[in-house]
Amino acid sequence: MLRRVFICGLAVLPLMGCGQPGLTEYVTPALDAPTIRAVTFSGATVDTRALREQFDTPDFNSATVRTEVLDAAERELIWDIGGTRATRVELIVTDVRFDGNEAGLFGQGVAVMRGTVSLVDATTGAVIVAPTEIFSPGIGWVADGNQPDITQADRGTELTELAEQFVARARRVLLGA
């Protein structure tokens, strides 16, 4: 009897996490297939001005966040597939939180980056995809790799992960998943 209860409890755990941050469903692309073929993602801009009010310390500030997100965007969002219309991805980061010391089983205490993504014509500035809200939860990291801790002492690694997840969400908005 105890064995059955334990096994049923384990079977329910994955279902309990379905509504938690970080688990997403299929995202319909904001761009249709002909538009995707016609554009070239030629650049990205990252705006982190809203973060200056949130934090501004010598070791962790809005410039650090901007650099990490821009690096991730240049790796994941800048590409040329032969389209003739040059476009620029605009990312605005509005909030970065390191809420806890440990990523819980159901996502409590995870770090989160929030903001918007939009796509504009690089020449005219015409909006192709209106600003769309996105967020990315971090799953945490520690040096020894034994547990998914969010260590506030090692925000650099966590920030890199958050930036990569933020850009991945931006790509999903634009190109689908």
N, C-alpha and C. Protein backbone atom coordinates (compact mmCIF):
# COMPACT_ATOMS: atom_id res chain seq x y z
N MET A 1 0.82 -1.20 0.00
CA MET A 1 0.00 0.00 0.00
C MET A 1 0.86 1.26 0.00
N LEU A 2 1.84 1.31 0.89
CA LEU A 2 2.72 2.47 0.96
C LEU A 2 3.48 2.65 -0.35
N ARG A 3 3.84 1.54 -0.96
CA ARG A 3 4.54 1.59 -2.23
C ARG A 3 3.67 2.23 -3.31
N ARG A 4 2.40 1.88 -3.37
CA ARG A 4 1.47 2.45 -4.35
C ARG A 4 1.30 3.95 -4.15
N VAL A 5 1.17 4.36 -2.91
CA VAL A 5 1.03 5.79 -2.60
C VAL A 5 2.27 6.55 -3.06
N PHE A 6 3.44 5.99 -2.79
CA PHE A 6 4.69 6.62 -3.19
C PHE A 6 4.79 6.74 -4.72
N ILE A 7 4.47 5.67 -5.43
CA ILE A 7 4.54 5.67 -6.89
C ILE A 7 3.53 6.66 -7.47
N CYS A 8 2.32 6.69 -6.93
CA CYS A 8 1.30 7.65 -7.40
C CYS A 8 1.76 9.08 -7.13
N GLY A 9 2.39 9.29 -5.99
CA GLY A 9 2.91 10.62 -5.66
C GLY A 9 3.98 11.06 -6.65
N LEU A 10 4.86 10.15 -7.03
CA LEU A 10 5.88 10.47 -8.02
C LEU A 10 5.27 10.76 -9.38
N ALA A 11 4.20 10.06 -9.73
CA ALA A 11 3.54 10.27 -11.01
C ALA A 11 2.87 11.64 -11.07
N VAL A 12 2.43 12.15 -9.94
CA VAL A 12 1.73 13.43 -9.90
C VAL A 12 2.70 14.61 -9.97
N LEU A 13 3.93 14.44 -9.50
CA LEU A 13 4.90 15.54 -9.46
C LEU A 13 5.08 16.24 -10.81
N PRO A 14 5.28 15.53 -11.91
CA PRO A 14 5.44 16.24 -13.19
C PRO A 14 4.20 17.05 -13.57
N LEU A 15 3.03 16.55 -13.22
CA LEU A 15 1.81 17.27 -13.55
C LEU A 15 1.66 18.54 -12.74
N MET A 16 2.15 18.54 -11.51
CA MET A 16 2.04 19.72 -10.66
C MET A 16 2.89 20.86 -11.20
N GLY A 17 3.96 20.56 -11.90
CA GLY A 17 4.84 21.60 -12.41
C GLY A 17 4.39 22.20 -13.73
N CYS A 18 3.31 21.72 -14.33
CA CYS A 18 2.91 22.17 -15.65
C CYS A 18 2.53 23.65 -15.70
N GLY A 19 2.05 24.20 -14.63
CA GLY A 19 1.66 25.60 -14.65
C GLY A 19 2.70 26.52 -14.07
N GLN A 20 3.90 26.03 -13.86
CA GLN A 20 4.93 26.82 -13.20
C GLN A 20 5.76 27.59 -14.22
N PRO A 21 6.47 28.64 -13.78
CA PRO A 21 7.33 29.41 -14.68
C PRO A 21 8.36 28.51 -15.35
N GLY A 22 8.68 28.84 -16.58
CA GLY A 22 9.69 28.10 -17.30
C GLY A 22 9.13 27.03 -18.21
N LEU A 23 7.91 26.58 -17.97
CA LEU A 23 7.27 25.60 -18.83
C LEU A 23 6.33 26.33 -19.75
N THR A 24 6.55 26.22 -21.03
CA THR A 24 5.76 26.98 -21.99
C THR A 24 5.13 26.06 -23.01
N GLU A 25 4.12 26.58 -23.65
CA GLU A 25 3.45 25.82 -24.70
C GLU A 25 3.93 26.34 -26.06
N TYR A 26 3.41 25.77 -27.11
CA TYR A 26 3.77 26.18 -28.46
C TYR A 26 3.47 27.66 -28.64
N VAL A 27 4.40 28.37 -29.27
CA VAL A 27 4.23 29.79 -29.54
C VAL A 27 4.11 29.97 -31.04
N THR A 28 3.01 30.58 -31.48
CA THR A 28 2.82 30.87 -32.89
C THR A 28 3.76 32.01 -33.28
N PRO A 29 4.47 31.89 -34.39
CA PRO A 29 5.41 32.95 -34.76
C PRO A 29 4.69 34.26 -35.07
N ALA A 30 5.29 35.37 -34.66
CA ALA A 30 4.74 36.68 -34.98
C ALA A 30 4.93 36.98 -36.46
N LEU A 31 5.96 36.39 -37.05
CA LEU A 31 6.24 36.59 -38.47
C LEU A 31 5.75 35.40 -39.27
N ASP A 32 5.12 35.66 -40.41
CA ASP A 32 4.70 34.55 -41.26
C ASP A 32 5.90 34.11 -42.12
N ALA A 33 5.75 32.96 -42.76
CA ALA A 33 6.87 32.36 -43.51
C ALA A 33 7.40 33.29 -44.62
N PRO A 34 6.54 33.95 -45.42
CA PRO A 34 7.10 34.84 -46.46
C PRO A 34 7.90 36.01 -45.86
N THR A 35 7.44 36.53 -44.72
CA THR A 35 8.16 37.63 -44.08
C THR A 35 9.50 37.15 -43.55
N ILE A 36 9.52 35.96 -42.96
CA ILE A 36 10.78 35.41 -42.46
C ILE A 36 11.79 35.25 -43.59
N ARG A 37 11.32 34.81 -44.76
CA ARG A 37 12.23 34.65 -45.90
C ARG A 37 12.69 36.00 -46.44
N ALA A 38 11.88 37.04 -46.29
CA ALA A 38 12.19 38.36 -46.87
C ALA A 38 13.13 39.20 -46.00
N VAL A 39 13.23 38.88 -44.71
CA VAL A 39 14.02 39.74 -43.82
C VAL A 39 15.40 39.17 -43.55
N THR A 40 16.28 40.04 -43.14
CA THR A 40 17.60 39.69 -42.63
C THR A 40 17.72 40.34 -41.27
N PHE A 41 18.00 39.56 -40.25
CA PHE A 41 18.15 40.09 -38.89
C PHE A 41 19.56 40.68 -38.80
N SER A 42 19.66 41.98 -39.05
CA SER A 42 20.98 42.60 -39.21
C SER A 42 21.55 43.22 -37.95
N GLY A 43 20.76 43.33 -36.90
CA GLY A 43 21.27 43.94 -35.69
C GLY A 43 20.30 43.83 -34.54
N ALA A 44 20.79 44.20 -33.38
CA ALA A 44 19.95 44.19 -32.18
C ALA A 44 20.31 45.40 -31.33
N THR A 45 19.31 45.95 -30.67
CA THR A 45 19.54 47.00 -29.68
C THR A 45 18.94 46.54 -28.37
N VAL A 46 19.60 46.88 -27.29
CA VAL A 46 19.13 46.49 -25.96
C VAL A 46 19.03 47.75 -25.11
N ASP A 47 17.88 47.97 -24.52
CA ASP A 47 17.63 49.12 -23.66
C ASP A 47 17.45 48.62 -22.22
N THR A 48 18.29 49.10 -21.32
CA THR A 48 18.19 48.69 -19.92
C THR A 48 18.02 49.91 -18.99
N ARG A 49 17.58 51.04 -19.55
CA ARG A 49 17.46 52.25 -18.75
C ARG A 49 16.52 52.09 -17.55
N ALA A 50 15.51 51.25 -17.67
CA ALA A 50 14.56 51.05 -16.57
C ALA A 50 15.23 50.40 -15.37
N LEU A 51 16.34 49.72 -15.58
CA LEU A 51 17.02 49.03 -14.48
C LEU A 51 17.84 49.95 -13.59
N ARG A 52 18.15 51.14 -14.07
CA ARG A 52 18.98 52.06 -13.28
C ARG A 52 18.33 52.40 -11.95
N GLU A 53 17.01 52.47 -11.92
CA GLU A 53 16.30 52.75 -10.68
C GLU A 53 16.28 51.53 -9.76
N GLN A 54 16.37 50.34 -10.35
CA GLN A 54 16.28 49.10 -9.58
C GLN A 54 17.58 48.77 -8.86
N PHE A 55 18.70 48.92 -9.54
CA PHE A 55 20.00 48.66 -8.93
C PHE A 55 21.07 49.38 -9.72
N ASP A 56 22.12 49.76 -9.07
CA ASP A 56 23.25 50.39 -9.73
C ASP A 56 24.44 50.32 -8.79
N THR A 57 25.08 49.17 -8.76
CA THR A 57 26.25 48.97 -7.91
C THR A 57 27.46 48.78 -8.82
N PRO A 58 28.65 48.96 -8.31
CA PRO A 58 29.84 48.82 -9.17
C PRO A 58 29.96 47.44 -9.82
N ASP A 59 29.57 46.38 -9.13
CA ASP A 59 29.75 45.03 -9.69
C ASP A 59 28.52 44.51 -10.43
N PHE A 60 27.39 45.18 -10.31
CA PHE A 60 26.17 44.70 -10.98
C PHE A 60 25.30 45.91 -11.30
N ASN A 61 25.19 46.24 -12.58
CA ASN A 61 24.42 47.42 -12.96
C ASN A 61 23.75 47.20 -14.31
N SER A 62 23.03 48.24 -14.77
CA SER A 62 22.28 48.10 -16.01
C SER A 62 23.20 47.88 -17.21
N ALA A 63 24.41 48.43 -17.18
CA ALA A 63 25.35 48.22 -18.29
C ALA A 63 25.77 46.75 -18.38
N THR A 64 25.93 46.10 -17.24
CA THR A 64 26.29 44.68 -17.22
C THR A 64 25.17 43.86 -17.85
N VAL A 65 23.94 44.16 -17.48
CA VAL A 65 22.78 43.45 -18.04
C VAL A 65 22.71 43.68 -19.54
N ARG A 66 22.87 44.93 -19.96
CA ARG A 66 22.81 45.26 -21.39
C ARG A 66 23.85 44.47 -22.17
N THR A 67 25.07 44.40 -21.68
CA THR A 67 26.14 43.68 -22.36
C THR A 67 25.81 42.20 -22.51
N GLU A 68 25.32 41.58 -21.44
CA GLU A 68 25.00 40.14 -21.49
C GLU A 68 23.87 39.86 -22.48
N VAL A 69 22.81 40.68 -22.46
CA VAL A 69 21.68 40.46 -23.37
C VAL A 69 22.11 40.72 -24.81
N LEU A 70 22.89 41.76 -25.04
CA LEU A 70 23.36 42.05 -26.39
C LEU A 70 24.24 40.93 -26.92
N ASP A 71 25.14 40.41 -26.09
CA ASP A 71 25.98 39.27 -26.51
C ASP A 71 25.13 38.07 -26.90
N ALA A 72 24.12 37.77 -26.09
CA ALA A 72 23.23 36.64 -26.39
C ALA A 72 22.44 36.90 -27.68
N ALA A 73 21.98 38.13 -27.87
CA ALA A 73 21.21 38.47 -29.07
C ALA A 73 22.08 38.36 -30.32
N GLU A 74 23.32 38.79 -30.22
CA GLU A 74 24.20 38.69 -31.39
C GLU A 74 24.51 37.25 -31.75
N ARG A 75 24.49 36.36 -30.78
CA ARG A 75 24.70 34.93 -31.06
C ARG A 75 23.45 34.28 -31.64
N GLU A 76 22.28 34.65 -31.14
CA GLU A 76 21.05 33.91 -31.45
C GLU A 76 20.08 34.61 -32.40
N LEU A 77 20.15 35.93 -32.52
CA LEU A 77 19.13 36.64 -33.30
C LEU A 77 19.66 37.34 -34.54
N ILE A 78 20.95 37.45 -34.71
CA ILE A 78 21.50 38.15 -35.87
C ILE A 78 21.89 37.09 -36.90
N TRP A 79 21.14 37.04 -37.98
CA TRP A 79 21.46 36.06 -39.01
C TRP A 79 20.93 36.52 -40.36
N ASP A 80 21.58 36.07 -41.41
CA ASP A 80 21.24 36.47 -42.77
C ASP A 80 20.85 35.21 -43.54
N ILE A 81 19.58 35.17 -43.93
CA ILE A 81 19.13 34.01 -44.72
C ILE A 81 18.84 34.41 -46.16
N GLY A 82 19.41 35.54 -46.57
CA GLY A 82 19.26 35.95 -47.95
C GLY A 82 18.12 36.91 -48.19
N GLY A 83 17.46 37.35 -47.14
CA GLY A 83 16.37 38.31 -47.31
C GLY A 83 16.90 39.67 -47.73
N THR A 84 16.02 40.48 -48.31
CA THR A 84 16.44 41.78 -48.81
C THR A 84 16.05 42.93 -47.88
N ARG A 85 15.22 42.66 -46.87
CA ARG A 85 14.78 43.72 -45.96
C ARG A 85 15.55 43.61 -44.64
N ALA A 86 16.44 44.57 -44.41
CA ALA A 86 17.23 44.57 -43.18
C ALA A 86 16.34 44.95 -42.00
N THR A 87 16.43 44.17 -40.93
CA THR A 87 15.62 44.43 -39.74
C THR A 87 16.51 44.47 -38.51
N ARG A 88 15.98 45.06 -37.46
CA ARG A 88 16.70 45.16 -36.19
C ARG A 88 15.77 44.68 -35.08
N VAL A 89 16.28 43.83 -34.23
CA VAL A 89 15.54 43.34 -33.07
C VAL A 89 15.76 44.34 -31.94
N GLU A 90 14.69 44.79 -31.33
CA GLU A 90 14.80 45.71 -30.20
C GLU A 90 14.34 45.00 -28.93
N LEU A 91 15.23 44.91 -27.97
CA LEU A 91 14.95 44.27 -26.68
C LEU A 91 15.00 45.33 -25.59
N ILE A 92 13.98 45.35 -24.77
CA ILE A 92 13.95 46.27 -23.62
C ILE A 92 13.83 45.42 -22.37
N VAL A 93 14.81 45.54 -21.48
CA VAL A 93 14.78 44.81 -20.21
C VAL A 93 14.22 45.75 -19.15
N THR A 94 13.12 45.35 -18.53
CA THR A 94 12.46 46.21 -17.54
C THR A 94 12.66 45.76 -16.11
N ASP A 95 13.05 44.49 -15.90
CA ASP A 95 13.16 43.99 -14.54
C ASP A 95 14.09 42.79 -14.50
N VAL A 96 14.96 42.76 -13.51
CA VAL A 96 15.81 41.59 -13.24
C VAL A 96 15.72 41.32 -11.76
N ARG A 97 15.37 40.09 -11.40
CA ARG A 97 15.22 39.74 -9.98
C ARG A 97 16.01 38.48 -9.67
N PHE A 98 16.68 38.53 -8.55
CA PHE A 98 17.31 37.36 -7.96
C PHE A 98 16.58 37.14 -6.65
N ASP A 99 15.48 36.36 -6.69
CA ASP A 99 14.54 36.32 -5.57
C ASP A 99 14.90 35.36 -4.45
N GLY A 100 15.78 34.45 -4.66
CA GLY A 100 16.02 33.50 -3.59
C GLY A 100 17.41 32.94 -3.63
N ASN A 101 17.70 32.09 -2.70
CA ASN A 101 19.00 31.46 -2.65
C ASN A 101 18.99 30.09 -3.29
N GLU A 102 17.82 29.60 -3.65
CA GLU A 102 17.74 28.24 -4.16
C GLU A 102 16.54 28.11 -5.07
N ALA A 103 16.71 27.45 -6.20
CA ALA A 103 15.60 27.18 -7.10
C ALA A 103 14.81 26.00 -6.55
N GLY A 104 13.59 26.23 -6.18
CA GLY A 104 12.78 25.18 -5.57
C GLY A 104 12.28 24.17 -6.59
N LEU A 105 11.68 23.11 -6.09
CA LEU A 105 11.18 22.03 -6.93
C LEU A 105 10.15 22.52 -7.93
N PHE A 106 9.32 23.47 -7.52
CA PHE A 106 8.26 23.96 -8.41
C PHE A 106 8.54 25.38 -8.90
N GLY A 107 9.77 25.81 -8.90
CA GLY A 107 10.12 27.09 -9.49
C GLY A 107 10.11 28.26 -8.53
N GLN A 108 9.88 28.06 -7.24
CA GLN A 108 9.94 29.18 -6.32
C GLN A 108 11.39 29.61 -6.15
N GLY A 109 11.58 30.90 -5.98
CA GLY A 109 12.91 31.40 -5.71
C GLY A 109 13.81 31.48 -6.92
N VAL A 110 13.26 31.41 -8.13
CA VAL A 110 14.10 31.49 -9.32
C VAL A 110 14.35 32.94 -9.69
N ALA A 111 15.42 33.16 -10.41
CA ALA A 111 15.71 34.49 -10.94
C ALA A 111 14.88 34.70 -12.20
N VAL A 112 14.48 35.96 -12.45
CA VAL A 112 13.62 36.26 -13.59
C VAL A 112 14.08 37.54 -14.26
N MET A 113 14.06 37.55 -15.59
CA MET A 113 14.30 38.76 -16.38
C MET A 113 13.04 39.02 -17.18
N ARG A 114 12.54 40.24 -17.12
CA ARG A 114 11.33 40.62 -17.85
C ARG A 114 11.62 41.77 -18.81
N GLY A 115 10.82 41.86 -19.87
CA GLY A 115 10.97 42.95 -20.80
C GLY A 115 10.11 42.77 -22.03
N THR A 116 10.53 43.38 -23.14
CA THR A 116 9.77 43.27 -24.39
C THR A 116 10.73 43.02 -25.55
N VAL A 117 10.16 42.49 -26.63
CA VAL A 117 10.88 42.32 -27.88
C VAL A 117 10.02 42.90 -28.99
N SER A 118 10.67 43.55 -29.95
CA SER A 118 9.98 44.03 -31.14
C SER A 118 10.94 43.92 -32.31
N LEU A 119 10.40 44.03 -33.51
CA LEU A 119 11.21 43.96 -34.72
C LEU A 119 10.88 45.19 -35.56
N VAL A 120 11.91 45.91 -36.00
CA VAL A 120 11.71 47.11 -36.81
C VAL A 120 12.55 47.03 -38.07
N ASP A 121 12.12 47.76 -39.08
CA ASP A 121 12.88 47.89 -40.31
C ASP A 121 14.14 48.71 -39.99
N ALA A 122 15.30 48.20 -40.33
CA ALA A 122 16.55 48.87 -39.98
C ALA A 122 16.73 50.19 -40.71
N THR A 123 16.12 50.35 -41.87
CA THR A 123 16.29 51.56 -42.66
C THR A 123 15.27 52.63 -42.29
N THR A 124 14.00 52.25 -42.24
CA THR A 124 12.93 53.24 -42.03
C THR A 124 12.49 53.35 -40.58
N GLY A 125 12.75 52.32 -39.79
CA GLY A 125 12.27 52.31 -38.40
C GLY A 125 10.83 51.86 -38.27
N ALA A 126 10.22 51.45 -39.38
CA ALA A 126 8.83 50.98 -39.35
C ALA A 126 8.74 49.71 -38.50
N VAL A 127 7.70 49.64 -37.68
CA VAL A 127 7.51 48.50 -36.78
C VAL A 127 6.95 47.32 -37.57
N ILE A 128 7.64 46.20 -37.51
CA ILE A 128 7.19 44.97 -38.16
C ILE A 128 6.46 44.09 -37.15
N VAL A 129 7.04 43.95 -35.96
CA VAL A 129 6.39 43.24 -34.85
C VAL A 129 6.35 44.20 -33.68
N ALA A 130 5.15 44.50 -33.20
CA ALA A 130 4.96 45.43 -32.08
C ALA A 130 5.61 44.87 -30.82
N PRO A 131 5.99 45.73 -29.88
CA PRO A 131 6.60 45.24 -28.64
C PRO A 131 5.71 44.20 -27.96
N THR A 132 6.31 43.07 -27.64
CA THR A 132 5.61 41.95 -27.03
C THR A 132 6.32 41.60 -25.73
N GLU A 133 5.57 41.43 -24.66
CA GLU A 133 6.16 41.13 -23.37
C GLU A 133 6.72 39.71 -23.34
N ILE A 134 7.91 39.57 -22.73
CA ILE A 134 8.54 38.27 -22.54
C ILE A 134 9.16 38.23 -21.15
N PHE A 135 9.39 37.04 -20.65
CA PHE A 135 10.13 36.87 -19.41
C PHE A 135 10.89 35.56 -19.48
N SER A 136 11.97 35.50 -18.72
CA SER A 136 12.75 34.27 -18.70
C SER A 136 13.15 33.95 -17.27
N PRO A 137 12.80 32.77 -16.80
CA PRO A 137 13.29 32.35 -15.49
C PRO A 137 14.62 31.63 -15.65
N GLY A 138 15.51 31.85 -14.70
CA GLY A 138 16.78 31.12 -14.68
C GLY A 138 16.61 29.87 -13.84
N ILE A 139 17.31 28.82 -14.20
CA ILE A 139 17.19 27.59 -13.42
C ILE A 139 18.32 27.42 -12.43
N GLY A 140 19.27 28.34 -12.45
CA GLY A 140 20.32 28.33 -11.45
C GLY A 140 21.54 27.52 -11.84
N TRP A 141 22.62 27.77 -11.10
CA TRP A 141 23.90 27.12 -11.39
C TRP A 141 24.78 27.26 -10.17
N VAL A 142 25.61 26.29 -9.91
CA VAL A 142 26.65 26.40 -8.89
C VAL A 142 27.94 25.84 -9.45
N ALA A 143 29.05 26.24 -8.86
CA ALA A 143 30.36 25.86 -9.38
C ALA A 143 30.56 24.35 -9.43
N ASP A 144 30.11 23.63 -8.40
CA ASP A 144 30.33 22.19 -8.40
C ASP A 144 29.26 21.43 -9.20
N GLY A 145 28.21 22.12 -9.62
CA GLY A 145 27.19 21.51 -10.45
C GLY A 145 26.28 20.52 -9.77
N ASN A 146 26.32 20.44 -8.44
CA ASN A 146 25.53 19.44 -7.74
C ASN A 146 24.07 19.82 -7.53
N GLN A 147 23.77 21.10 -7.50
CA GLN A 147 22.38 21.50 -7.26
C GLN A 147 22.08 22.81 -7.98
N PRO A 148 20.82 23.03 -8.31
CA PRO A 148 20.47 24.25 -9.04
C PRO A 148 20.28 25.44 -8.11
N ASP A 149 21.35 25.91 -7.52
CA ASP A 149 21.28 27.08 -6.64
C ASP A 149 21.31 28.36 -7.45
N ILE A 150 20.63 29.35 -6.95
CA ILE A 150 20.77 30.70 -7.46
C ILE A 150 21.63 31.41 -6.44
N THR A 151 22.88 31.54 -6.73
CA THR A 151 23.79 32.12 -5.76
C THR A 151 23.96 33.59 -6.05
N GLN A 152 23.54 34.41 -5.13
CA GLN A 152 23.67 35.84 -5.34
C GLN A 152 25.13 36.25 -5.35
N ALA A 153 26.02 35.42 -4.82
CA ALA A 153 27.44 35.72 -4.86
C ALA A 153 28.01 35.50 -6.26
N ASP A 154 27.29 34.79 -7.11
CA ASP A 154 27.77 34.49 -8.46
C ASP A 154 26.74 34.96 -9.47
N ARG A 155 26.35 36.22 -9.39
CA ARG A 155 25.33 36.75 -10.29
C ARG A 155 25.77 36.76 -11.74
N GLY A 156 27.06 36.80 -12.00
CA GLY A 156 27.52 36.84 -13.37
C GLY A 156 27.07 35.63 -14.17
N THR A 157 27.24 34.45 -13.62
CA THR A 157 26.82 33.23 -14.30
C THR A 157 25.31 33.19 -14.44
N GLU A 158 24.61 33.55 -13.38
CA GLU A 158 23.15 33.57 -13.42
C GLU A 158 22.65 34.58 -14.44
N LEU A 159 23.29 35.72 -14.51
CA LEU A 159 22.89 36.76 -15.47
C LEU A 159 23.10 36.28 -16.90
N THR A 160 24.19 35.60 -17.16
CA THR A 160 24.43 35.05 -18.50
C THR A 160 23.32 34.09 -18.88
N GLU A 161 22.95 33.23 -17.96
CA GLU A 161 21.87 32.28 -18.22
C GLU A 161 20.54 32.98 -18.44
N LEU A 162 20.24 33.97 -17.61
CA LEU A 162 19.00 34.74 -17.78
C LEU A 162 18.97 35.43 -19.14
N ALA A 163 20.08 36.02 -19.54
CA ALA A 163 20.15 36.71 -20.83
C ALA A 163 19.92 35.74 -21.98
N GLU A 164 20.53 34.57 -21.90
CA GLU A 164 20.35 33.56 -22.95
C GLU A 164 18.90 33.11 -23.03
N GLN A 165 18.27 32.89 -21.88
CA GLN A 165 16.87 32.48 -21.87
C GLN A 165 15.96 33.61 -22.36
N PHE A 166 16.27 34.84 -22.01
CA PHE A 166 15.50 36.00 -22.45
C PHE A 166 15.53 36.11 -23.97
N VAL A 167 16.71 35.96 -24.55
CA VAL A 167 16.86 36.02 -26.01
C VAL A 167 16.18 34.83 -26.67
N ALA A 168 16.24 33.66 -26.04
CA ALA A 168 15.54 32.48 -26.60
C ALA A 168 14.04 32.74 -26.64
N ARG A 169 13.50 33.37 -25.59
CA ARG A 169 12.06 33.70 -25.59
C ARG A 169 11.75 34.72 -26.68
N ALA A 170 12.65 35.68 -26.87
CA ALA A 170 12.45 36.69 -27.93
C ALA A 170 12.40 36.00 -29.29
N ARG A 171 13.31 35.07 -29.51
CA ARG A 171 13.34 34.34 -30.78
C ARG A 171 12.04 33.55 -30.98
N ARG A 172 11.53 32.96 -29.90
CA ARG A 172 10.26 32.22 -30.01
C ARG A 172 9.12 33.13 -30.41
N VAL A 173 9.09 34.34 -29.86
CA VAL A 173 8.04 35.29 -30.22
C VAL A 173 8.10 35.61 -31.71
N LEU A 174 9.30 35.87 -32.21
CA LEU A 174 9.45 36.27 -33.60
C LEU A 174 9.30 35.12 -34.57
N LEU A 175 9.90 33.98 -34.27
CA LEU A 175 9.97 32.88 -35.24
C LEU A 175 9.14 31.65 -34.87
N GLY A 176 8.54 31.65 -33.67
CA GLY A 176 7.74 30.51 -33.24
C GLY A 176 8.59 29.43 -32.61
N ALA A 177 7.91 28.37 -32.19
CA ALA A 177 8.62 27.27 -31.53
C ALA A 177 8.01 25.96 -31.93
